[in-house]
C-alpha atoms as a PDB file:
ATOM      1  CA  MET A   1     -67.009  39.690 -72.891  1.00  0.00           C
ATOM      2  CA  ASN A   2     -70.053  40.772 -74.514  1.00  0.00           C
ATOM      3  CA  ARG A   3     -72.378  39.277 -71.810  1.00  0.00           C
ATOM      4  CA  LYS A   4     -70.627  41.570 -69.128  1.00  0.00           C
ATOM      5  CA  LEU A   5     -70.295  44.595 -71.613  1.00  0.00           C
ATOM      6  CA  PRO A   6     -72.035  47.555 -69.410  1.00  0.00           C
ATOM      7  CA  THR A   7     -69.758  46.456 -66.440  1.00  0.00           C
ATOM      8  CA  ALA A   8     -66.567  46.192 -68.585  1.00  0.00           C
ATOM      9  CA  LEU A   9     -67.387  49.675 -70.340  1.00  0.00           C
ATOM     10  CA  ALA A  10     -67.945  51.078 -66.723  1.00  0.00           C
ATOM     11  CA  ALA A  11     -64.797  49.704 -65.327  1.00  0.00           C
ATOM     12  CA  CYS A  12     -62.741  51.125 -68.273  1.00  0.00           C
ATOM     13  CA  ALA A  13     -64.584  54.574 -67.901  1.00  0.00           C
ATOM     14  CA  LEU A  14     -63.831  54.691 -63.864  1.00  0.00           C
ATOM     15  CA  SER A  15     -60.339  53.495 -64.540  1.00  0.00           C
ATOM     16  CA  LEU A  16     -59.331  55.839 -67.245  1.00  0.00           C
ATOM     17  CA  ALA A  17     -61.057  58.773 -65.879  1.00  0.00           C
ATOM     18  CA  GLY A  18     -58.903  58.445 -62.348  1.00  0.00           C
ATOM     19  CA  VAL A  19     -62.458  57.771 -60.403  1.00  0.00           C
ATOM     20  CA  ALA A  20     -61.262  54.320 -59.146  1.00  0.00           C
ATOM     21  CA  PRO A  21     -57.589  54.238 -60.350  1.00  0.00           C
ATOM     22  CA  ALA A  22     -55.347  51.112 -60.087  1.00  0.00           C
ATOM     23  CA  ALA A  23     -52.283  51.267 -58.312  1.00  0.00           C
ATOM     24  CA  ALA A  24     -50.332  54.385 -58.562  1.00  0.00           C
ATOM     25  CA  GLY A  25     -48.036  54.464 -61.657  1.00  0.00           C
ATOM     26  CA  THR A  26     -49.962  51.748 -63.486  1.00  0.00           C
ATOM     27  CA  PRO A  27     -51.477  52.374 -67.219  1.00  0.00           C
ATOM     28  CA  GLY A  28     -54.930  52.592 -65.522  1.00  0.00           C
ATOM     29  CA  ASP A  29     -54.126  55.244 -63.426  1.00  0.00           C
ATOM     30  CA  LEU A  30     -54.554  57.862 -65.969  1.00  0.00           C
ATOM     31  CA  ASP A  31     -54.894  61.645 -65.964  1.00  0.00           C
ATOM     32  CA  PRO A  32     -58.521  62.730 -66.258  1.00  0.00           C
ATOM     33  CA  HIS A  33     -57.633  65.381 -68.141  1.00  0.00           C
ATOM     34  CA  GLU A  34     -55.720  64.277 -70.781  1.00  0.00           C
ATOM     35  CA  GLY A  35     -58.514  64.596 -73.352  1.00  0.00           C
ATOM     36  CA  PRO A  36     -62.206  63.507 -74.206  1.00  0.00           C
ATOM     37  CA  PHE A  37     -63.039  60.147 -73.532  1.00  0.00           C
ATOM     38  CA  ALA A  38     -64.230  57.378 -75.901  1.00  0.00           C
ATOM     39  CA  VAL A  39     -65.363  53.846 -75.786  1.00  0.00           C
ATOM     40  CA  VAL A  40     -64.579  51.824 -79.096  1.00  0.00           C
ATOM     41  CA  HIS A  41     -66.766  48.685 -79.767  1.00  0.00           C
ATOM     42  CA  PRO A  42     -66.332  47.262 -83.261  1.00  0.00           C
ATOM     43  CA  GLN A  43     -68.516  44.815 -84.629  1.00  0.00           C
ATOM     44  CA  ALA A  44     -67.552  41.754 -86.150  1.00  0.00           C
ATOM     45  CA  THR A  45     -67.633  42.960 -89.715  1.00  0.00           C
ATOM     46  CA  ASP A  46     -65.706  44.263 -92.509  1.00  0.00           C
ATOM     47  CA  ARG A  47     -66.985  47.495 -92.110  1.00  0.00           C
ATOM     48  CA  HIS A  48     -65.256  47.788 -88.724  1.00  0.00           C
ATOM     49  CA  TRP A  49     -62.132  45.917 -89.472  1.00  0.00           C
ATOM     50  CA  GLU A  50     -59.679  46.428 -92.369  1.00  0.00           C
ATOM     51  CA  PRO A  51     -57.433  43.594 -92.973  1.00  0.00           C
ATOM     52  CA  LEU A  52     -53.988  43.749 -95.067  1.00  0.00           C
ATOM     53  CA  ASN A  53     -55.328  40.825 -97.077  1.00  0.00           C
ATOM     54  CA  PRO A  54     -59.189  40.343 -96.786  1.00  0.00           C
ATOM     55  CA  GLU A  55     -59.465  36.928 -98.167  1.00  0.00           C
ATOM     56  CA  LYS A  56     -57.410  35.699 -95.117  1.00  0.00           C
ATOM     57  CA  TRP A  57     -60.237  36.471 -93.088  1.00  0.00           C
ATOM     58  CA  ALA A  58     -63.949  35.849 -91.984  1.00  0.00           C
ATOM     59  CA  PHE A  59     -66.525  37.357 -89.844  1.00  0.00           C
ATOM     60  CA  GLU A  60     -68.791  35.065 -88.347  1.00  0.00           C
ATOM     61  CA  HIS A  61     -70.788  34.328 -85.145  1.00  0.00           C
ATOM     62  CA  GLY A  62     -69.492  37.772 -83.399  1.00  0.00           C
ATOM     63  CA  GLN A  63     -65.977  36.720 -84.386  1.00  0.00           C
ATOM     64  CA  VAL A  64     -63.104  38.318 -86.313  1.00  0.00           C
ATOM     65  CA  VAL A  65     -61.541  35.299 -87.720  1.00  0.00           C
ATOM     66  CA  MET A  66     -57.899  35.046 -89.262  1.00  0.00           C
ATOM     67  CA  THR A  67     -58.692  31.976 -91.347  1.00  0.00           C
ATOM     68  CA  GLU A  68     -54.791  31.330 -92.563  1.00  0.00           C
ATOM     69  CA  ARG A  69     -51.199  32.261 -92.168  1.00  0.00           C
ATOM     70  CA  GLY A  70     -50.137  35.499 -93.332  1.00  0.00           C
ATOM     71  CA  THR A  71     -47.084  36.085 -95.859  1.00  0.00           C
ATOM     72  CA  ASN A  72     -44.100  37.777 -95.368  1.00  0.00           C
ATOM     73  CA  PRO A  73     -44.927  41.447 -96.571  1.00  0.00           C
ATOM     74  CA  GLY A  74     -41.446  42.294 -97.121  1.00  0.00           C
ATOM     75  CA  GLY A  75     -39.754  45.579 -95.649  1.00  0.00           C
ATOM     76  CA  PRO A  76     -38.934  45.662 -92.061  1.00  0.00           C
ATOM     77  CA  ARG A  77     -39.534  42.449 -90.410  1.00  0.00           C
ATOM     78  CA  ARG A  78     -42.841  42.631 -88.647  1.00  0.00           C
ATOM     79  CA  PRO A  79     -46.476  40.662 -88.159  1.00  0.00           C
ATOM     80  CA  PHE A  80     -47.587  39.186 -91.524  1.00  0.00           C
ATOM     81  CA  GLU A  81     -50.744  39.485 -91.306  1.00  0.00           C
ATOM     82  CA  PHE A  82     -53.450  41.771 -89.078  1.00  0.00           C
ATOM     83  CA  ALA A  83     -56.727  43.402 -89.142  1.00  0.00           C
ATOM     84  CA  ILE A  84     -56.922  47.153 -87.748  1.00  0.00           C
ATOM     85  CA  VAL A  85     -60.104  48.664 -86.334  1.00  0.00           C
ATOM     86  CA  GLU A  86     -60.894  51.577 -88.266  1.00  0.00           C
ATOM     87  CA  LYS A  87     -64.264  52.583 -86.935  1.00  0.00           C
ATOM     88  CA  GLY A  88     -64.310  55.065 -84.210  1.00  0.00           C
ATOM     89  CA  PRO A  89     -61.689  57.431 -82.884  1.00  0.00           C
ATOM     90  CA  GLU A  90     -58.132  57.242 -82.730  1.00  0.00           C
ATOM     91  CA  LEU A  91     -56.931  56.710 -79.156  1.00  0.00           C
ATOM     92  CA  ARG A  92     -54.226  57.694 -76.900  1.00  0.00           C
ATOM     93  CA  SER A  93     -54.070  56.369 -73.594  1.00  0.00           C
ATOM     94  CA  LEU A  94     -56.554  53.288 -73.773  1.00  0.00           C
ATOM     95  CA  SER A  95     -57.512  50.081 -71.892  1.00  0.00           C
ATOM     96  CA  TYR A  96     -58.108  47.383 -74.911  1.00  0.00           C
ATOM     97  CA  ARG A  97     -60.037  44.218 -73.782  1.00  0.00           C
ATOM     98  CA  ALA A  98     -60.997  40.878 -75.537  1.00  0.00           C
ATOM     99  CA  GLU A  99     -61.183  37.518 -75.922  1.00  0.00           C
ATOM    100  CA  VAL A 100     -58.585  35.844 -78.043  1.00  0.00           C
ATOM    101  CA  ARG A 101     -57.848  32.342 -79.411  1.00  0.00           C
ATOM    102  CA  ILE A 102     -55.084  30.971 -81.267  1.00  0.00           C
ATOM    103  CA  ASP A 103     -56.388  28.188 -83.524  1.00  0.00           C
ATOM    104  CA  GLU A 104     -52.909  26.491 -84.776  1.00  0.00           C
ATOM    105  CA  PRO A 105     -52.525  22.994 -83.295  1.00  0.00           C
ATOM    106  CA  VAL A 106     -50.680  23.257 -80.107  1.00  0.00           C
ATOM    107  CA  THR A 107     -48.036  20.758 -81.716  1.00  0.00           C
ATOM    108  CA  ARG A 108     -46.553  23.961 -83.546  1.00  0.00           C
ATOM    109  CA  ASN A 109     -44.622  25.725 -80.565  1.00  0.00           C
ATOM    110  CA  ASP A 110     -44.438  29.168 -82.166  1.00  0.00           C
ATOM    111  CA  ARG A 111     -48.018  29.627 -82.274  1.00  0.00           C
ATOM    112  CA  ASP A 112     -49.084  32.969 -81.624  1.00  0.00           C
ATOM    113  CA  VAL A 113     -51.830  35.549 -81.779  1.00  0.00           C
ATOM    114  CA  ILE A 114     -51.066  39.544 -81.607  1.00  0.00           C
ATOM    115  CA  LEU A 115     -52.928  42.626 -80.097  1.00  0.00           C
ATOM    116  CA  VAL A 116     -52.023  45.827 -82.242  1.00  0.00           C
ATOM    117  CA  PHE A 117     -52.106  49.206 -80.848  1.00  0.00           C
ATOM    118  CA  ASN A 118     -51.069  52.632 -81.255  1.00  0.00           C
ATOM    119  CA  TYR A 119     -51.106  51.856 -85.281  1.00  0.00           C
ATOM    120  CA  GLN A 120     -50.124  54.652 -87.396  1.00  0.00           C
ATOM    121  CA  SER A 121     -49.262  52.827 -90.727  1.00  0.00           C
ATOM    122  CA  PRO A 122     -48.107  49.406 -91.603  1.00  0.00           C
ATOM    123  CA  THR A 123     -44.610  50.009 -90.423  1.00  0.00           C
ATOM    124  CA  ARG A 124     -45.509  51.778 -87.045  1.00  0.00           C
ATOM    125  CA  PHE A 125     -47.169  50.655 -84.446  1.00  0.00           C
ATOM    126  CA  TYR A 126     -46.601  48.466 -80.978  1.00  0.00           C
ATOM    127  CA  TYR A 127     -47.859  44.946 -80.765  1.00  0.00           C
ATOM    128  CA  ALA A 128     -48.212  42.289 -77.937  1.00  0.00           C
ATOM    129  CA  HIS A 129     -47.013  38.731 -78.931  1.00  0.00           C
ATOM    130  CA  LEU A 130     -49.030  36.253 -77.197  1.00  0.00           C
ATOM    131  CA  SER A 131     -47.610  32.728 -77.564  1.00  0.00           C
ATOM    132  CA  GLN A 132     -46.941  29.536 -75.752  1.00  0.00           C
ATOM    133  CA  ASP A 133     -43.280  29.738 -76.686  1.00  0.00           C
ATOM    134  CA  ASN A 134     -41.283  32.095 -74.510  1.00  0.00           C
ATOM    135  CA  THR A 135     -37.567  31.144 -75.506  1.00  0.00           C
ATOM    136  CA  ILE A 136     -36.487  33.223 -78.326  1.00  0.00           C
ATOM    137  CA  TYR A 137     -36.365  36.778 -78.988  1.00  0.00           C
ATOM    138  CA  PRO A 138     -39.796  37.262 -81.402  1.00  0.00           C
ATOM    139  CA  HIS A 139     -42.125  35.291 -79.044  1.00  0.00           C
ATOM    140  CA  ASN A 140     -44.413  36.252 -76.101  1.00  0.00           C
ATOM    141  CA  GLY A 141     -43.424  39.660 -75.527  1.00  0.00           C
ATOM    142  CA  ILE A 142     -44.223  43.448 -76.180  1.00  0.00           C
ATOM    143  CA  PHE A 143     -42.633  44.918 -79.519  1.00  0.00           C
ATOM    144  CA  LYS A 144     -42.221  48.023 -81.383  1.00  0.00           C
ATOM    145  CA  VAL A 145     -42.184  48.437 -85.440  1.00  0.00           C
ATOM    146  CA  ALA A 146     -40.740  52.087 -85.808  1.00  0.00           C
ATOM    147  CA  ASP A 147     -40.048  51.773 -89.931  1.00  0.00           C
ATOM    148  CA  ALA A 148     -37.506  49.247 -88.875  1.00  0.00           C
ATOM    149  CA  ASP A 149     -37.514  45.416 -88.038  1.00  0.00           C
ATOM    150  CA  ARG A 150     -39.492  44.872 -84.596  1.00  0.00           C
ATOM    151  CA  VAL A 151     -37.653  45.663 -81.351  1.00  0.00           C
ATOM    152  CA  ARG A 152     -38.570  43.808 -78.300  1.00  0.00           C
ATOM    153  CA  ILE A 153     -39.006  46.602 -75.380  1.00  0.00           C
ATOM    154  CA  ASP A 154     -40.810  44.382 -72.967  1.00  0.00           C
ATOM    155  CA  ASP A 155     -39.243  44.212 -69.219  1.00  0.00           C
ATOM    156  CA  GLN A 156     -39.177  40.180 -68.916  1.00  0.00           C
ATOM    157  CA  TRP A 157     -36.862  39.223 -71.477  1.00  0.00           C
ATOM    158  CA  ASN A 158     -33.430  38.352 -70.312  1.00  0.00           C
ATOM    159  CA  GLY A 159     -31.927  37.287 -73.463  1.00  0.00           C
ATOM    160  CA  THR A 160     -32.930  33.770 -72.909  1.00  0.00           C
ATOM    161  CA  ILE A 161     -36.151  33.567 -71.615  1.00  0.00           C
ATOM    162  CA  GLY A 162     -39.311  36.054 -71.350  1.00  0.00           C
ATOM    163  CA  ALA A 163     -42.510  35.928 -69.485  1.00  0.00           C
ATOM    164  CA  PRO A 164     -44.342  32.709 -68.816  1.00  0.00           C
ATOM    165  CA  PRO A 165     -46.316  31.597 -71.984  1.00  0.00           C
ATOM    166  CA  ALA A 166     -49.386  33.748 -72.235  1.00  0.00           C
ATOM    167  CA  ILE A 167     -51.644  31.164 -74.293  1.00  0.00           C
ATOM    168  CA  ASP A 168     -50.923  27.006 -74.709  1.00  0.00           C
ATOM    169  CA  ASP A 169     -54.003  25.589 -75.635  1.00  0.00           C
ATOM    170  CA  THR A 170     -56.967  26.459 -77.913  1.00  0.00           C
ATOM    171  CA  GLU A 171     -59.153  27.641 -75.743  1.00  0.00           C
ATOM    172  CA  TRP A 172     -60.700  31.326 -75.502  1.00  0.00           C
ATOM    173  CA  HIS A 173     -58.564  34.040 -73.231  1.00  0.00           C
ATOM    174  CA  ASP A 174     -59.626  37.024 -71.669  1.00  0.00           C
ATOM    175  CA  VAL A 175     -56.918  39.711 -72.584  1.00  0.00           C
ATOM    176  CA  ARG A 176     -56.543  43.243 -71.089  1.00  0.00           C
ATOM    177  CA  LEU A 177     -53.775  45.670 -72.555  1.00  0.00           C
ATOM    178  CA  ASP A 178     -53.307  48.934 -70.866  1.00  0.00           C
ATOM    179  CA  TYR A 179     -51.321  51.907 -72.484  1.00  0.00           C
ATOM    180  CA  HIS A 180     -50.581  55.014 -70.755  1.00  0.00           C
ATOM    181  CA  ALA A 181     -49.336  57.414 -73.441  1.00  0.00           C
ATOM    182  CA  GLU A 182     -47.808  60.217 -71.035  1.00  0.00           C
ATOM    183  CA  THR A 183     -45.585  57.758 -69.304  1.00  0.00           C
ATOM    184  CA  GLY A 184     -45.284  55.371 -72.090  1.00  0.00           C
ATOM    185  CA  ARG A 185     -46.161  52.867 -69.460  1.00  0.00           C
ATOM    186  CA  ILE A 186     -47.655  49.197 -71.137  1.00  0.00           C
ATOM    187  CA  ALA A 187     -49.150  46.378 -69.380  1.00  0.00           C
ATOM    188  CA  VAL A 188     -50.804  42.813 -70.418  1.00  0.00           C
ATOM    189  CA  TYR A 189     -53.079  41.109 -68.463  1.00  0.00           C
ATOM    190  CA  VAL A 190     -54.238  37.327 -69.164  1.00  0.00           C
ATOM    191  CA  ASP A 191     -57.533  35.457 -67.867  1.00  0.00           C
ATOM    192  CA  GLY A 192     -58.194  38.246 -65.116  1.00  0.00           C
ATOM    193  CA  ALA A 193     -54.780  38.009 -63.501  1.00  0.00           C
ATOM    194  CA  ASP A 194     -54.164  40.899 -60.830  1.00  0.00           C
ATOM    195  CA  GLU A 195     -50.672  41.281 -62.031  1.00  0.00           C
ATOM    196  CA  PRO A 196     -49.510  41.703 -65.689  1.00  0.00           C
ATOM    197  CA  LEU A 197     -47.898  39.101 -67.384  1.00  0.00           C
ATOM    198  CA  MET A 198     -45.836  41.448 -69.680  1.00  0.00           C
ATOM    199  CA  THR A 199     -44.755  45.151 -69.224  1.00  0.00           C
ATOM    200  CA  ALA A 200     -42.972  47.694 -70.937  1.00  0.00           C
ATOM    201  CA  THR A 201     -41.983  51.572 -71.038  1.00  0.00           C
ATOM    202  CA  ASP A 202     -41.809  53.513 -74.490  1.00  0.00           C
ATOM    203  CA  THR A 203     -42.994  56.694 -75.686  1.00  0.00           C
ATOM    204  CA  THR A 204     -42.065  56.480 -79.587  1.00  0.00           C
ATOM    205  CA  PHE A 205     -46.086  56.710 -80.502  1.00  0.00           C
ATOM    206  CA  ALA A 206     -48.583  58.657 -78.641  1.00  0.00           C
ATOM    207  CA  GLY A 207     -51.725  57.367 -80.116  1.00  0.00           C
ATOM    208  CA  GLY A 208     -53.419  55.500 -83.150  1.00  0.00           C
ATOM    209  CA  ARG A 209     -55.823  52.686 -83.645  1.00  0.00           C
ATOM    210  CA  VAL A 210     -55.755  49.094 -82.424  1.00  0.00           C
ATOM    211  CA  GLY A 211     -55.803  45.971 -84.326  1.00  0.00           C
ATOM    212  CA  PHE A 212     -55.384  42.080 -84.167  1.00  0.00           C
ATOM    213  CA  GLY A 213     -53.575  39.308 -85.979  1.00  0.00           C
ATOM    214  CA  SER A 214     -50.492  36.947 -86.182  1.00  0.00           C
ATOM    215  CA  PHE A 215     -47.131  37.085 -86.623  1.00  0.00           C
ATOM    216  CA  ASP A 216     -47.066  33.929 -89.214  1.00  0.00           C
ATOM    217  CA  ASN A 217     -49.803  31.581 -87.537  1.00  0.00           C
ATOM    218  CA  PHE A 218     -53.651  32.169 -87.238  1.00  0.00           C
ATOM    219  CA  GLY A 219     -56.469  32.682 -84.686  1.00  0.00           C
ATOM    220  CA  ARG A 220     -59.604  34.741 -83.625  1.00  0.00           C
ATOM    221  CA  ILE A 221     -61.078  37.471 -81.643  1.00  0.00           C
ATOM    222  CA  ARG A 222     -64.174  38.419 -80.242  1.00  0.00           C
ATOM    223  CA  ASP A 223     -65.834  41.030 -77.502  1.00  0.00           C
ATOM    224  CA  VAL A 224     -63.581  43.977 -78.218  1.00  0.00           C
ATOM    225  CA  VAL A 225     -63.993  46.710 -76.046  1.00  0.00           C
ATOM    226  CA  VAL A 226     -61.296  49.732 -76.154  1.00  0.00           C
ATOM    227  CA  ALA A 227     -61.804  52.410 -73.919  1.00  0.00           C
ATOM    228  CA  GLY A 228     -59.249  55.825 -73.816  1.00  0.00           C
ATOM    229  CA  SER A 229     -58.648  59.165 -74.245  1.00  0.00           C
ATOM    230  CA  LYS A 230     -59.232  60.434 -78.095  1.00  0.00           C
ATOM    231  CA  ALA A 231     -55.923  61.355 -79.794  1.00  0.00           C
ATOM    232  CA  VAL A 232     -56.142  64.920 -81.367  1.00  0.00           C
ATOM    233  CA  PRO A 233     -54.523  66.239 -84.700  1.00  0.00           C
ATOM    234  CA  GLY A 234     -50.820  66.021 -84.105  1.00  0.00           C
ATOM    235  CA  GLN A 235     -50.726  64.004 -81.161  1.00  0.00           C
ATOM    236  CA  GLN A 236     -50.346  60.704 -82.623  1.00  0.00           C
ATOM    237  CA  HIS A 237     -47.043  61.262 -83.991  1.00  0.00           C
ATOM    238  CA  THR A 238     -43.656  61.958 -82.064  1.00  0.00           C
ATOM    239  CA  PRO A 239     -41.165  64.495 -83.536  1.00  0.00           C
END
């Protein structure tokens, strides 16, 4: 996506400012008065990303690479390993765009990567789980970790099956995650689709940082651009 970075930033800015909004009620249709606008474009270095376990990560060729599976950190059930973008401001409403790849062989059906957003602490954040399996509760959905075991919040899960598999190969995929802080509306798009693959609504968290990782597999991310409204002190946490 870096080959089209100016276009991507312009699109994010216009959408978040309400100049060229998406369809009414979608996360892209944000209040231009919500707060100061910011764009976070982290480089693929350990100066911009903070992993839980640095020995499991590499930063090379413009990519942030999780090189091996994480281990269960204990405490609330949540993703085992991820890295958080520490450079730049915390964001409130946002559009998070990147290219991601799952490096696990396709013979492992539970393979996944995750996009973390509204990260406030190791036990307080949202994440979108992108997997080739959509038949069990923890796979291929949108989740909340709120000082307790992760809870599934996406609209697509019906108790038996969820949204169509997000990634079922080892190729790169474009992903966009939109979050609207005031309404709690979340939408995840894959490979430029006009309609979101996953949606949810939740207002537990009102701002934080973004990240990337996996529940218990491994993969990589590149060309990260996050555009949104800056969170202000006291705005990031719900009562």
